[in-house]
PDB file of N, CA and C in Angstrom:
ATOM      1  N   UNK A   1       9.563  23.917  14.106  1.00  0.00           N
ATOM      2  CA  UNK A   1       9.985  22.516  14.045  1.00  0.00           C
ATOM      3  C   UNK A   1       8.752  21.603  13.939  1.00  0.00           C
ATOM      4  N   UNK A   2       7.709  21.921  14.706  1.00  0.00           N
ATOM      5  CA  UNK A   2       6.504  21.074  14.666  1.00  0.00           C
ATOM      6  C   UNK A   2       5.907  21.072  13.272  1.00  0.00           C
ATOM      7  N   UNK A   3       5.905  22.201  12.588  1.00  0.00           N
ATOM      8  CA  UNK A   3       5.368  22.260  11.232  1.00  0.00           C
ATOM      9  C   UNK A   3       6.161  21.394  10.276  1.00  0.00           C
ATOM     10  N   UNK A   4       7.463  21.422  10.403  1.00  0.00           N
ATOM     11  CA  UNK A   4       8.345  20.599   9.565  1.00  0.00           C
ATOM     12  C   UNK A   4       8.050  19.113   9.777  1.00  0.00           C
ATOM     13  N   UNK A   5       7.866  18.716  11.025  1.00  0.00           N
ATOM     14  CA  UNK A   5       7.555  17.313  11.311  1.00  0.00           C
ATOM     15  C   UNK A   5       6.189  16.928  10.729  1.00  0.00           C
ATOM     16  N   UNK A   6       5.202  17.791  10.859  1.00  0.00           N
ATOM     17  CA  UNK A   6       3.872  17.500  10.298  1.00  0.00           C
ATOM     18  C   UNK A   6       3.920  17.402   8.788  1.00  0.00           C
ATOM     19  N   UNK A   7       4.661  18.258   8.130  1.00  0.00           N
ATOM     20  CA  UNK A   7       4.802  18.175   6.671  1.00  0.00           C
ATOM     21  C   UNK A   7       5.453  16.869   6.270  1.00  0.00           C
ATOM     22  N   UNK A   8       6.530  16.499   6.968  1.00  0.00           N
ATOM     23  CA  UNK A   8       7.219  15.250   6.677  1.00  0.00           C
ATOM     24  C   UNK A   8       6.293  14.042   6.871  1.00  0.00           C
ATOM     25  N   UNK A   9       5.521  14.052   7.969  1.00  0.00           N
ATOM     26  CA  UNK A   9       4.591  12.943   8.203  1.00  0.00           C
ATOM     27  C   UNK A   9       3.518  12.882   7.137  1.00  0.00           C
ATOM     28  N   UNK A  10       3.031  14.032   6.701  1.00  0.00           N
ATOM     29  CA  UNK A  10       2.013  14.057   5.646  1.00  0.00           C
ATOM     30  C   UNK A  10       2.543  13.497   4.341  1.00  0.00           C
ATOM     31  N   UNK A  11       3.743  13.891   3.978  1.00  0.00           N
ATOM     32  CA  UNK A  11       4.365  13.367   2.766  1.00  0.00           C
ATOM     33  C   UNK A  11       4.585  11.871   2.864  1.00  0.00           C
ATOM     34  N   UNK A  12       5.082  11.411   3.972  1.00  0.00           N
ATOM     35  CA  UNK A  12       5.338   9.975   4.185  1.00  0.00           C
ATOM     36  C   UNK A  12       4.057   9.195   4.110  1.00  0.00           C
ATOM     37  N   UNK A  13       2.988   9.683   4.749  1.00  0.00           N
ATOM     38  CA  UNK A  13       1.690   8.999   4.762  1.00  0.00           C
ATOM     39  C   UNK A  13       1.133   8.938   3.342  1.00  0.00           C
ATOM     40  N   UNK A  14       1.251  10.013   2.582  1.00  0.00           N
ATOM     41  CA  UNK A  14       0.731  10.062   1.216  1.00  0.00           C
ATOM     42  C   UNK A  14       1.435   9.028   0.342  1.00  0.00           C
ATOM     43  N   UNK A  15       2.735   8.908   0.464  1.00  0.00           N
ATOM     44  CA  UNK A  15       3.488   8.036  -0.398  1.00  0.00           C
ATOM     45  C   UNK A  15       3.313   6.561  -0.037  1.00  0.00           C
ATOM     46  N   UNK A  16       2.981   6.241   1.180  1.00  0.00           N
ATOM     47  CA  UNK A  16       2.841   4.840   1.603  1.00  0.00           C
ATOM     48  C   UNK A  16       1.387   4.562   1.963  1.00  0.00           C
ATOM     49  N   UNK A  17       0.496   4.633   0.996  1.00  0.00           N
ATOM     50  CA  UNK A  17      -0.906   4.398   1.246  1.00  0.00           C
ATOM     51  C   UNK A  17      -1.105   2.990   1.717  1.00  0.00           C
ATOM     52  N   UNK A  18      -1.913   2.855   2.740  1.00  0.00           N
ATOM     53  CA  UNK A  18      -2.177   1.550   3.320  1.00  0.00           C
ATOM     54  C   UNK A  18      -3.133   0.732   2.444  1.00  0.00           C
ATOM     55  N   UNK A  19      -2.955  -0.542   2.449  1.00  0.00           N
ATOM     56  CA  UNK A  19      -3.851  -1.423   1.711  1.00  0.00           C
ATOM     57  C   UNK A  19      -5.150  -1.590   2.482  1.00  0.00           C
ATOM     58  N   UNK A  20      -6.211  -1.786   1.720  1.00  0.00           N
ATOM     59  CA  UNK A  20      -7.522  -2.120   2.320  1.00  0.00           C
ATOM     60  C   UNK A  20      -7.743  -3.571   2.082  1.00  0.00           C
ATOM     61  N   UNK A  21      -8.004  -4.322   3.147  1.00  0.00           N
ATOM     62  CA  UNK A  21      -8.253  -5.758   3.058  1.00  0.00           C
ATOM     63  C   UNK A  21      -9.755  -6.012   3.148  1.00  0.00           C
ATOM     64  N   UNK A  22     -10.256  -6.876   2.288  1.00  0.00           N
ATOM     65  CA  UNK A  22     -11.684  -7.218   2.245  1.00  0.00           C
ATOM     66  C   UNK A  22     -11.812  -8.744   2.248  1.00  0.00           C
ATOM     67  N   UNK A  23     -12.963  -9.219   2.660  1.00  0.00           N
ATOM     68  CA  UNK A  23     -13.190 -10.666   2.643  1.00  0.00           C
ATOM     69  C   UNK A  23     -14.689 -10.957   2.553  1.00  0.00           C
ATOM     70  N   UNK A  24     -14.978 -12.171   2.121  1.00  0.00           N
ATOM     71  CA  UNK A  24     -16.379 -12.563   2.026  1.00  0.00           C
ATOM     72  C   UNK A  24     -16.538 -14.060   2.282  1.00  0.00           C
ATOM     73  N   UNK A  25     -17.777 -14.423   2.481  1.00  0.00           N
ATOM     74  CA  UNK A  25     -18.088 -15.847   2.743  1.00  0.00           C
ATOM     75  C   UNK A  25     -19.093 -16.343   1.691  1.00  0.00           C
ATOM     76  N   UNK A  26     -19.154 -17.652   1.550  1.00  0.00           N
ATOM     77  CA  UNK A  26     -20.117 -18.288   0.647  1.00  0.00           C
ATOM     78  C   UNK A  26     -20.054 -17.719  -0.762  1.00  0.00           C
ATOM     79  N   UNK A  27     -19.049 -17.840  -1.519  1.00  0.00           N
ATOM     80  CA  UNK A  27     -17.802 -18.574  -1.286  1.00  0.00           C
ATOM     81  C   UNK A  27     -16.813 -17.695  -0.518  1.00  0.00           C
ATOM     82  N   UNK A  28     -15.851 -18.330   0.086  1.00  0.00           N
ATOM     83  CA  UNK A  28     -14.825 -17.612   0.824  1.00  0.00           C
ATOM     84  C   UNK A  28     -13.857 -16.965  -0.165  1.00  0.00           C
ATOM     85  N   UNK A  29     -13.578 -15.697   0.031  1.00  0.00           N
ATOM     86  CA  UNK A  29     -12.658 -14.983  -0.824  1.00  0.00           C
ATOM     87  C   UNK A  29     -11.992 -13.879  -0.019  1.00  0.00           C
ATOM     88  N   UNK A  30     -10.898 -13.365  -0.525  1.00  0.00           N
ATOM     89  CA  UNK A  30     -10.179 -12.262   0.074  1.00  0.00           C
ATOM     90  C   UNK A  30      -9.681 -11.338  -1.006  1.00  0.00           C
ATOM     91  N   UNK A  31      -9.712 -10.059  -0.740  1.00  0.00           N
ATOM     92  CA  UNK A  31      -9.228  -9.072  -1.710  1.00  0.00           C
ATOM     93  C   UNK A  31      -8.381  -8.026  -1.003  1.00  0.00           C
ATOM     94  N   UNK A  32      -7.469  -7.447  -1.718  1.00  0.00           N
ATOM     95  CA  UNK A  32      -6.634  -6.373  -1.205  1.00  0.00           C
ATOM     96  C   UNK A  32      -6.593  -5.267  -2.244  1.00  0.00           C
ATOM     97  N   UNK A  33      -6.844  -4.052  -1.801  1.00  0.00           N
ATOM     98  CA  UNK A  33      -6.758  -2.876  -2.668  1.00  0.00           C
ATOM     99  C   UNK A  33      -5.528  -2.126  -2.266  1.00  0.00           C
ATOM    100  N   UNK A  34      -4.555  -2.038  -3.189  1.00  0.00           N
ATOM    101  CA  UNK A  34      -3.305  -1.379  -2.883  1.00  0.00           C
ATOM    102  C   UNK A  34      -3.061  -0.333  -3.980  1.00  0.00           C
ATOM    103  N   UNK A  35      -3.123   0.932  -3.615  1.00  0.00           N
ATOM    104  CA  UNK A  35      -2.836   1.990  -4.562  1.00  0.00           C
ATOM    105  C   UNK A  35      -3.662   1.825  -5.829  1.00  0.00           C
ATOM    106  N   UNK A  36      -3.065   1.449  -6.952  1.00  0.00           N
ATOM    107  CA  UNK A  36      -3.794   1.337  -8.206  1.00  0.00           C
ATOM    108  C   UNK A  36      -3.979  -0.094  -8.668  1.00  0.00           C
ATOM    109  N   UNK A  37      -3.946  -1.048  -7.726  1.00  0.00           N
ATOM    110  CA  UNK A  37      -4.221  -2.426  -8.096  1.00  0.00           C
ATOM    111  C   UNK A  37      -5.208  -3.082  -7.139  1.00  0.00           C
ATOM    112  N   UNK A  38      -5.841  -4.089  -7.582  1.00  0.00           N
ATOM    113  CA  UNK A  38      -6.864  -4.797  -6.852  1.00  0.00           C
ATOM    114  C   UNK A  38      -6.568  -6.281  -7.010  1.00  0.00           C
ATOM    115  N   UNK A  39      -6.352  -7.003  -5.919  1.00  0.00           N
ATOM    116  CA  UNK A  39      -5.973  -8.411  -5.960  1.00  0.00           C
ATOM    117  C   UNK A  39      -7.097  -9.227  -5.305  1.00  0.00           C
ATOM    118  N   UNK A  40      -7.666 -10.173  -6.045  1.00  0.00           N
ATOM    119  CA  UNK A  40      -8.745 -11.021  -5.551  1.00  0.00           C
ATOM    120  C   UNK A  40      -8.267 -12.460  -5.502  1.00  0.00           C
ATOM    121  N   UNK A  41      -8.397 -13.087  -4.340  1.00  0.00           N
ATOM    122  CA  UNK A  41      -8.083 -14.507  -4.163  1.00  0.00           C
ATOM    123  C   UNK A  41      -9.388 -15.242  -3.891  1.00  0.00           C
ATOM    124  N   UNK A  42      -9.747 -16.180  -4.790  1.00  0.00           N
ATOM    125  CA  UNK A  42     -10.963 -16.945  -4.632  1.00  0.00           C
ATOM    126  C   UNK A  42     -10.757 -18.332  -5.253  1.00  0.00           C
ATOM    127  N   UNK A  43     -11.252 -19.340  -4.577  1.00  0.00           N
ATOM    128  CA  UNK A  43     -11.099 -20.736  -5.038  1.00  0.00           C
ATOM    129  C   UNK A  43      -9.653 -21.106  -5.319  1.00  0.00           C
ATOM    130  N   UNK A  44      -8.726 -20.583  -4.517  1.00  0.00           N
ATOM    131  CA  UNK A  44      -7.323 -20.892  -4.723  1.00  0.00           C
ATOM    132  C   UNK A  44      -6.692 -20.230  -5.913  1.00  0.00           C
ATOM    133  N   UNK A  45      -7.405 -19.346  -6.533  1.00  0.00           N
ATOM    134  CA  UNK A  45      -6.862 -18.622  -7.699  1.00  0.00           C
ATOM    135  C   UNK A  45      -6.733 -17.143  -7.353  1.00  0.00           C
ATOM    136  N   UNK A  46      -5.746 -16.509  -7.969  1.00  0.00           N
ATOM    137  CA  UNK A  46      -5.509 -15.080  -7.760  1.00  0.00           C
ATOM    138  C   UNK A  46      -5.779 -14.339  -9.051  1.00  0.00           C
ATOM    139  N   UNK A  47      -6.550 -13.301  -8.953  1.00  0.00           N
ATOM    140  CA  UNK A  47      -6.842 -12.442 -10.094  1.00  0.00           C
ATOM    141  C   UNK A  47      -6.377 -11.042  -9.739  1.00  0.00           C
ATOM    142  N   UNK A  48      -5.546 -10.447 -10.578  1.00  0.00           N
ATOM    143  CA  UNK A  48      -5.006  -9.105 -10.324  1.00  0.00           C
ATOM    144  C   UNK A  48      -5.586  -8.139 -11.344  1.00  0.00           C
ATOM    145  N   UNK A  49      -6.219  -7.096 -10.850  1.00  0.00           N
ATOM    146  CA  UNK A  49      -6.692  -6.019 -11.699  1.00  0.00           C
ATOM    147  C   UNK A  49      -5.682  -4.888 -11.524  1.00  0.00           C
ATOM    148  N   UNK A  50      -5.079  -4.446 -12.611  1.00  0.00           N
ATOM    149  CA  UNK A  50      -4.086  -3.380 -12.489  1.00  0.00           C
ATOM    150  C   UNK A  50      -4.650  -2.094 -13.143  1.00  0.00           C
ATOM    151  N   UNK A  51      -3.950  -1.016 -12.918  1.00  0.00           N
ATOM    152  CA  UNK A  51      -4.358   0.304 -13.425  1.00  0.00           C
ATOM    153  C   UNK A  51      -5.756   0.636 -12.964  1.00  0.00           C
ATOM    154  N   UNK A  52      -6.047   0.373 -11.717  1.00  0.00           N
ATOM    155  CA  UNK A  52      -7.358   0.671 -11.141  1.00  0.00           C
ATOM    156  C   UNK A  52      -7.494   2.170 -10.916  1.00  0.00           C
ATOM    157  N   UNK A  53      -8.652   2.710 -11.262  1.00  0.00           N
ATOM    158  CA  UNK A  53      -8.939   4.108 -11.058  1.00  0.00           C
ATOM    159  C   UNK A  53     -10.069   4.201  -9.998  1.00  0.00           C
ATOM    160  N   UNK A  54      -9.863   5.073  -9.031  1.00  0.00           N
ATOM    161  CA  UNK A  54     -10.875   5.288  -7.993  1.00  0.00           C
ATOM    162  C   UNK A  54     -11.710   6.487  -8.362  1.00  0.00           C
ATOM    163  N   UNK A  55     -13.029   6.358  -8.314  1.00  0.00           N
ATOM    164  CA  UNK A  55     -13.924   7.460  -8.593  1.00  0.00           C
ATOM    165  C   UNK A  55     -15.170   7.341  -7.746  1.00  0.00           C
ATOM    166  N   UNK A  56     -16.013   8.343  -7.858  1.00  0.00           N
ATOM    167  CA  UNK A  56     -17.316   8.328  -7.185  1.00  0.00           C
ATOM    168  C   UNK A  56     -18.403   8.244  -8.271  1.00  0.00           C
ATOM    169  N   UNK A  57     -19.581   7.734  -7.923  1.00  0.00           N
ATOM    170  CA  UNK A  57     -20.680   7.732  -8.903  1.00  0.00           C
ATOM    171  C   UNK A  57     -21.023   9.149  -9.328  1.00  0.00           C
ATOM    172  N   UNK A  58     -21.563   9.288 -10.535  1.00  0.00           N
ATOM    173  CA  UNK A  58     -21.962  10.614 -10.993  1.00  0.00           C
ATOM    174  C   UNK A  58     -22.939  11.232  -9.987  1.00  0.00           C
ATOM    175  N   UNK A  59     -22.728  12.514  -9.714  1.00  0.00           N
ATOM    176  CA  UNK A  59     -23.575  13.207  -8.770  1.00  0.00           C
ATOM    177  C   UNK A  59     -23.086  13.190  -7.346  1.00  0.00           C
ATOM    178  N   UNK A  60     -22.025  12.429  -7.067  1.00  0.00           N
ATOM    179  CA  UNK A  60     -21.460  12.404  -5.708  1.00  0.00           C
ATOM    180  C   UNK A  60     -20.081  13.057  -5.746  1.00  0.00           C
ATOM    181  N   UNK A  61     -19.643  13.622  -4.610  1.00  0.00           N
ATOM    182  CA  UNK A  61     -18.308  14.225  -4.572  1.00  0.00           C
ATOM    183  C   UNK A  61     -17.253  13.185  -4.931  1.00  0.00           C
ATOM    184  N   UNK A  62     -16.298  13.548  -5.749  1.00  0.00           N
ATOM    185  CA  UNK A  62     -15.247  12.641  -6.194  1.00  0.00           C
ATOM    186  C   UNK A  62     -14.027  12.749  -5.278  1.00  0.00           C
ATOM    187  N   UNK A  63     -14.133  12.112  -4.093  1.00  0.00           N
ATOM    188  CA  UNK A  63     -13.014  12.172  -3.155  1.00  0.00           C
ATOM    189  C   UNK A  63     -12.650  10.755  -2.749  1.00  0.00           C
ATOM    190  N   UNK A  64     -11.424  10.583  -2.274  1.00  0.00           N
ATOM    191  CA  UNK A  64     -10.987   9.254  -1.808  1.00  0.00           C
ATOM    192  C   UNK A  64     -11.715   8.804  -0.555  1.00  0.00           C
ATOM    193  N   UNK A  65     -12.290   9.734   0.198  1.00  0.00           N
ATOM    194  CA  UNK A  65     -12.963   9.375   1.434  1.00  0.00           C
ATOM    195  C   UNK A  65     -14.480   9.458   1.297  1.00  0.00           C
ATOM    196  N   UNK A  66     -14.991   9.417   0.076  1.00  0.00           N
ATOM    197  CA  UNK A  66     -16.417   9.514  -0.144  1.00  0.00           C
ATOM    198  C   UNK A  66     -17.179   8.319   0.408  1.00  0.00           C
ATOM    199  N   UNK A  67     -18.480   8.472   0.537  1.00  0.00           N
ATOM    200  CA  UNK A  67     -19.353   7.421   1.052  1.00  0.00           C
ATOM    201  C   UNK A  67     -19.357   6.211   0.126  1.00  0.00           C
ATOM    202  N   UNK A  68     -19.323   6.446  -1.179  1.00  0.00           N
ATOM    203  CA  UNK A  68     -19.272   5.376  -2.177  1.00  0.00           C
ATOM    204  C   UNK A  68     -18.013   5.542  -3.025  1.00  0.00           C
ATOM    205  N   UNK A  69     -17.270   4.454  -3.158  1.00  0.00           N
ATOM    206  CA  UNK A  69     -16.062   4.454  -4.008  1.00  0.00           C
ATOM    207  C   UNK A  69     -16.257   3.428  -5.094  1.00  0.00           C
ATOM    208  N   UNK A  70     -15.901   3.785  -6.298  1.00  0.00           N
ATOM    209  CA  UNK A  70     -15.995   2.846  -7.429  1.00  0.00           C
ATOM    210  C   UNK A  70     -14.585   2.609  -7.946  1.00  0.00           C
ATOM    211  N   UNK A  71     -14.196   1.349  -8.006  1.00  0.00           N
ATOM    212  CA  UNK A  71     -12.871   0.956  -8.511  1.00  0.00           C
ATOM    213  C   UNK A  71     -13.082   0.360  -9.887  1.00  0.00           C
ATOM    214  N   UNK A  72     -12.395   0.949 -10.882  1.00  0.00           N
ATOM    215  CA  UNK A  72     -12.583   0.500 -12.291  1.00  0.00           C
ATOM    216  C   UNK A  72     -11.258   0.276 -12.953  1.00  0.00           C
ATOM    217  N   UNK A  73     -11.263  -0.636 -13.951  1.00  0.00           N
ATOM    218  CA  UNK A  73     -10.070  -0.770 -14.814  1.00  0.00           C
ATOM    219  C   UNK A  73     -10.511  -0.441 -16.248  1.00  0.00           C
ATOM    220  N   UNK A  74      -9.748  -0.755 -17.231  1.00  0.00           N
ATOM    221  CA  UNK A  74     -10.054  -0.373 -18.619  1.00  0.00           C
ATOM    222  C   UNK A  74     -11.368  -0.966 -19.129  1.00  0.00           C
ATOM    223  N   UNK A  75     -11.787  -2.122 -18.528  1.00  0.00           N
ATOM    224  CA  UNK A  75     -12.997  -2.784 -18.980  1.00  0.00           C
ATOM    225  C   UNK A  75     -14.256  -2.270 -18.295  1.00  0.00           C
ATOM    226  N   UNK A  76     -14.099  -1.554 -17.177  1.00  0.00           N
ATOM    227  CA  UNK A  76     -15.252  -1.035 -16.463  1.00  0.00           C
ATOM    228  C   UNK A  76     -15.110  -1.271 -14.951  1.00  0.00           C
ATOM    229  N   UNK A  77     -16.225  -1.142 -14.213  1.00  0.00           N
ATOM    230  CA  UNK A  77     -16.172  -1.285 -12.755  1.00  0.00           C
ATOM    231  C   UNK A  77     -15.674  -2.666 -12.312  1.00  0.00           C
ATOM    232  N   UNK A  78     -14.822  -2.657 -11.313  1.00  0.00           N
ATOM    233  CA  UNK A  78     -14.317  -3.880 -10.698  1.00  0.00           C
ATOM    234  C   UNK A  78     -15.003  -4.111  -9.365  1.00  0.00           C
ATOM    235  N   UNK A  79     -15.199  -3.014  -8.617  1.00  0.00           N
ATOM    236  CA  UNK A  79     -15.811  -3.127  -7.282  1.00  0.00           C
ATOM    237  C   UNK A  79     -16.450  -1.807  -6.885  1.00  0.00           C
ATOM    238  N   UNK A  80     -17.423  -1.877  -5.997  1.00  0.00           N
ATOM    239  CA  UNK A  80     -18.029  -0.716  -5.388  1.00  0.00           C
ATOM    240  C   UNK A  80     -17.924  -0.896  -3.900  1.00  0.00           C
ATOM    241  N   UNK A  81     -17.339   0.088  -3.202  1.00  0.00           N
ATOM    242  CA  UNK A  81     -17.174   0.038  -1.742  1.00  0.00           C
ATOM    243  C   UNK A  81     -18.055   1.112  -1.148  1.00  0.00           C
ATOM    244  N   UNK A  82     -18.770   0.764  -0.079  1.00  0.00           N
ATOM    245  CA  UNK A  82     -19.673   1.695   0.592  1.00  0.00           C
ATOM    246  C   UNK A  82     -19.257   1.817   2.041  1.00  0.00           C
ATOM    247  N   UNK A  83     -19.136   3.037   2.523  1.00  0.00           N
ATOM    248  CA  UNK A  83     -18.781   3.287   3.928  1.00  0.00           C
ATOM    249  C   UNK A  83     -20.036   3.079   4.763  1.00  0.00           C
ATOM    250  N   UNK A  84     -20.256   1.839   5.145  1.00  0.00           N
ATOM    251  CA  UNK A  84     -21.410   1.436   5.945  1.00  0.00           C
ATOM    252  C   UNK A  84     -21.045   0.207   6.745  1.00  0.00           C
ATOM    253  N   UNK A  85     -21.487   0.142   7.946  1.00  0.00           N
ATOM    254  CA  UNK A  85     -21.166  -1.007   8.811  1.00  0.00           C
ATOM    255  C   UNK A  85     -21.583  -2.313   8.134  1.00  0.00           C
ATOM    256  N   UNK A  86     -20.680  -3.294   8.246  1.00  0.00           N
ATOM    257  CA  UNK A  86     -20.879  -4.567   7.526  1.00  0.00           C
ATOM    258  C   UNK A  86     -20.662  -5.726   8.480  1.00  0.00           C
ATOM    259  N   UNK A  87     -21.467  -6.779   8.318  1.00  0.00           N
ATOM    260  CA  UNK A  87     -21.295  -8.023   9.078  1.00  0.00           C
ATOM    261  C   UNK A  87     -21.131  -9.145   8.063  1.00  0.00           C
ATOM    262  N   UNK A  88     -20.137 -10.004   8.303  1.00  0.00           N
ATOM    263  CA  UNK A  88     -19.857 -11.063   7.330  1.00  0.00           C
ATOM    264  C   UNK A  88     -20.833 -12.257   7.422  1.00  0.00           C
ATOM    265  N   UNK A  89     -21.742 -12.232   8.358  1.00  0.00           N
ATOM    266  CA  UNK A  89     -22.744 -13.284   8.443  1.00  0.00           C
ATOM    267  C   UNK A  89     -22.278 -14.543   9.161  1.00  0.00           C
ATOM    268  N   UNK A  90     -20.967 -14.615   9.482  1.00  0.00           N
ATOM    269  CA  UNK A  90     -20.435 -15.811  10.137  1.00  0.00           C
ATOM    270  C   UNK A  90     -19.903 -15.530  11.534  1.00  0.00           C
ATOM    271  N   UNK A  91     -19.893 -14.262  11.906  1.00  0.00           N
ATOM    272  CA  UNK A  91     -19.449 -13.899  13.255  1.00  0.00           C
ATOM    273  C   UNK A  91     -20.206 -12.665  13.706  1.00  0.00           C
ATOM    274  N   UNK A  92     -19.902 -12.228  14.917  1.00  0.00           N
ATOM    275  CA  UNK A  92     -20.534 -10.998  15.409  1.00  0.00           C
ATOM    276  C   UNK A  92     -19.682  -9.773  15.105  1.00  0.00           C
ATOM    277  N   UNK A  93     -18.601  -9.953  14.351  1.00  0.00           N
ATOM    278  CA  UNK A  93     -17.718  -8.840  14.016  1.00  0.00           C
ATOM    279  C   UNK A  93     -18.398  -7.853  13.091  1.00  0.00           C
ATOM    280  N   UNK A  94     -18.153  -6.581  13.336  1.00  0.00           N
ATOM    281  CA  UNK A  94     -18.628  -5.521  12.460  1.00  0.00           C
ATOM    282  C   UNK A  94     -17.413  -4.838  11.812  1.00  0.00           C
ATOM    283  N   UNK A  95     -17.533  -4.517  10.556  1.00  0.00           N
ATOM    284  CA  UNK A  95     -16.459  -3.886   9.790  1.00  0.00           C
ATOM    285  C   UNK A  95     -16.972  -2.537   9.266  1.00  0.00           C
ATOM    286  N   UNK A  96     -16.075  -1.585   8.976  1.00  0.00           N
ATOM    287  CA  UNK A  96     -16.526  -0.239   8.594  1.00  0.00           C
ATOM    288  C   UNK A  96     -17.023  -0.074   7.159  1.00  0.00           C
ATOM    289  N   UNK A  97     -16.756  -1.055   6.283  1.00  0.00           N
ATOM    290  CA  UNK A  97     -17.127  -0.889   4.876  1.00  0.00           C
ATOM    291  C   UNK A  97     -17.699  -2.158   4.278  1.00  0.00           C
ATOM    292  N   UNK A  98     -18.611  -1.963   3.334  1.00  0.00           N
ATOM    293  CA  UNK A  98     -19.138  -3.060   2.518  1.00  0.00           C
ATOM    294  C   UNK A  98     -18.541  -2.991   1.125  1.00  0.00           C
ATOM    295  N   UNK A  99     -18.459  -4.120   0.445  1.00  0.00           N
ATOM    296  CA  UNK A  99     -17.935  -4.102  -0.901  1.00  0.00           C
ATOM    297  C   UNK A  99     -18.709  -5.088  -1.781  1.00  0.00           C
ATOM    298  N   UNK A 100     -18.886  -4.721  -3.036  1.00  0.00           N
ATOM    299  CA  UNK A 100     -19.424  -5.647  -4.036  1.00  0.00           C
ATOM    300  C   UNK A 100     -18.366  -5.690  -5.131  1.00  0.00           C
ATOM    301  N   UNK A 101     -17.933  -6.930  -5.435  1.00  0.00           N
ATOM    302  CA  UNK A 101     -16.903  -7.141  -6.450  1.00  0.00           C
ATOM    303  C   UNK A 101     -17.567  -7.785  -7.663  1.00  0.00           C
ATOM    304  N   UNK A 102     -17.274  -7.270  -8.842  1.00  0.00           N
ATOM    305  CA  UNK A 102     -17.878  -7.778 -10.078  1.00  0.00           C
ATOM    306  C   UNK A 102     -16.917  -8.699 -10.782  1.00  0.00           C
ATOM    307  N   UNK A 103     -17.315  -9.933 -11.016  1.00  0.00           N
ATOM    308  CA  UNK A 103     -16.462 -10.893 -11.718  1.00  0.00           C
ATOM    309  C   UNK A 103     -17.238 -11.405 -12.929  1.00  0.00           C
ATOM    310  N   UNK A 104     -16.533 -12.140 -13.769  1.00  0.00           N
ATOM    311  CA  UNK A 104     -17.211 -12.718 -14.966  1.00  0.00           C
ATOM    312  C   UNK A 104     -18.203 -13.788 -14.565  1.00  0.00           C
ATOM    313  N   UNK A 105     -18.125 -14.301 -13.320  1.00  0.00           N
ATOM    314  CA  UNK A 105     -19.052 -15.338 -12.846  1.00  0.00           C
ATOM    315  C   UNK A 105     -20.121 -14.799 -11.920  1.00  0.00           C
ATOM    316  N   UNK A 106     -20.279 -13.487 -11.849  1.00  0.00           N
ATOM    317  CA  UNK A 106     -21.256 -12.870 -10.976  1.00  0.00           C
ATOM    318  C   UNK A 106     -20.613 -11.921 -10.000  1.00  0.00           C
ATOM    319  N   UNK A 107     -21.360 -11.466  -9.016  1.00  0.00           N
ATOM    320  CA  UNK A 107     -20.845 -10.516  -8.055  1.00  0.00           C
ATOM    321  C   UNK A 107     -20.632 -11.162  -6.706  1.00  0.00           C
ATOM    322  N   UNK A 108     -19.699 -10.606  -5.927  1.00  0.00           N
ATOM    323  CA  UNK A 108     -19.378 -11.077  -4.594  1.00  0.00           C
ATOM    324  C   UNK A 108     -19.648  -9.960  -3.604  1.00  0.00           C
ATOM    325  N   UNK A 109     -20.184 -10.288  -2.445  1.00  0.00           N
ATOM    326  CA  UNK A 109     -20.437  -9.304  -1.395  1.00  0.00           C
ATOM    327  C   UNK A 109     -19.541  -9.595  -0.222  1.00  0.00           C
ATOM    328  N   UNK A 110     -19.013  -8.570   0.429  1.00  0.00           N
ATOM    329  CA  UNK A 110     -18.193  -8.774   1.629  1.00  0.00           C
ATOM    330  C   UNK A 110     -17.970  -7.511   2.393  1.00  0.00           C
ATOM    331  N   UNK A 111     -17.063  -7.612   3.356  1.00  0.00           N
ATOM    332  CA  UNK A 111     -16.739  -6.543   4.271  1.00  0.00           C
ATOM    333  C   UNK A 111     -15.260  -6.150   4.130  1.00  0.00           C
ATOM    334  N   UNK A 112     -14.951  -4.895   4.466  1.00  0.00           N
ATOM    335  CA  UNK A 112     -13.591  -4.403   4.353  1.00  0.00           C
ATOM    336  C   UNK A 112     -13.184  -3.638   5.624  1.00  0.00           C
ATOM    337  N   UNK A 113     -11.888  -3.620   5.851  1.00  0.00           N
ATOM    338  CA  UNK A 113     -11.321  -2.873   6.960  1.00  0.00           C
ATOM    339  C   UNK A 113     -11.130  -3.710   8.218  1.00  0.00           C
ATOM    340  N   UNK A 114     -10.609  -3.068   9.238  1.00  0.00           N
ATOM    341  CA  UNK A 114     -10.394  -3.720  10.503  1.00  0.00           C
ATOM    342  C   UNK A 114     -11.700  -3.820  11.287  1.00  0.00           C
ATOM    343  N   UNK A 115     -11.813  -4.794  12.154  1.00  0.00           N
ATOM    344  CA  UNK A 115     -12.999  -4.983  13.003  1.00  0.00           C
ATOM    345  C   UNK A 115     -13.214  -3.732  13.819  1.00  0.00           C
ATOM    346  N   UNK A 116     -14.431  -3.190  13.814  1.00  0.00           N
ATOM    347  CA  UNK A 116     -14.743  -2.014  14.600  1.00  0.00           C
ATOM    348  C   UNK A 116     -15.524  -2.367  15.859  1.00  0.00           C
ATOM    349  N   UNK A 117     -16.160  -3.563  15.875  1.00  0.00           N
ATOM    350  CA  UNK A 117     -16.909  -3.997  17.058  1.00  0.00           C
ATOM    351  C   UNK A 117     -17.038  -5.491  17.012  1.00  0.00           C
ATOM    352  N   UNK A 118     -16.857  -6.143  18.196  1.00  0.00           N
ATOM    353  CA  UNK A 118     -17.013  -7.582  18.270  1.00  0.00           C
ATOM    354  C   UNK A 118     -18.179  -7.922  19.165  1.00  0.00           C
TER     355      UNK A 118
END
């Protein structure tokens, strides 16, 4: 019975992947990565990147839990996420991941995930 419950929980977890929320300051922005889409809110505007593919840089293991994640669409890289402690520069909060988002107006730096230390 325990094995059946674990299999069910694994299937349920796989199908309902949690969103990763990111944010940055100067300028203030927020992004959400959900499955195969990336939503960026900045300056009161929303930009949606769809058909996002997750990969690792060449030479690194290509896993969803890798140290470096590259999110790309048909035009190329959209964002690079690094599993490294991040501080948003405006508080003492620490977050588990850093992100660089590439836009037509330059790149944005910020933090992702839930607060790990205050």
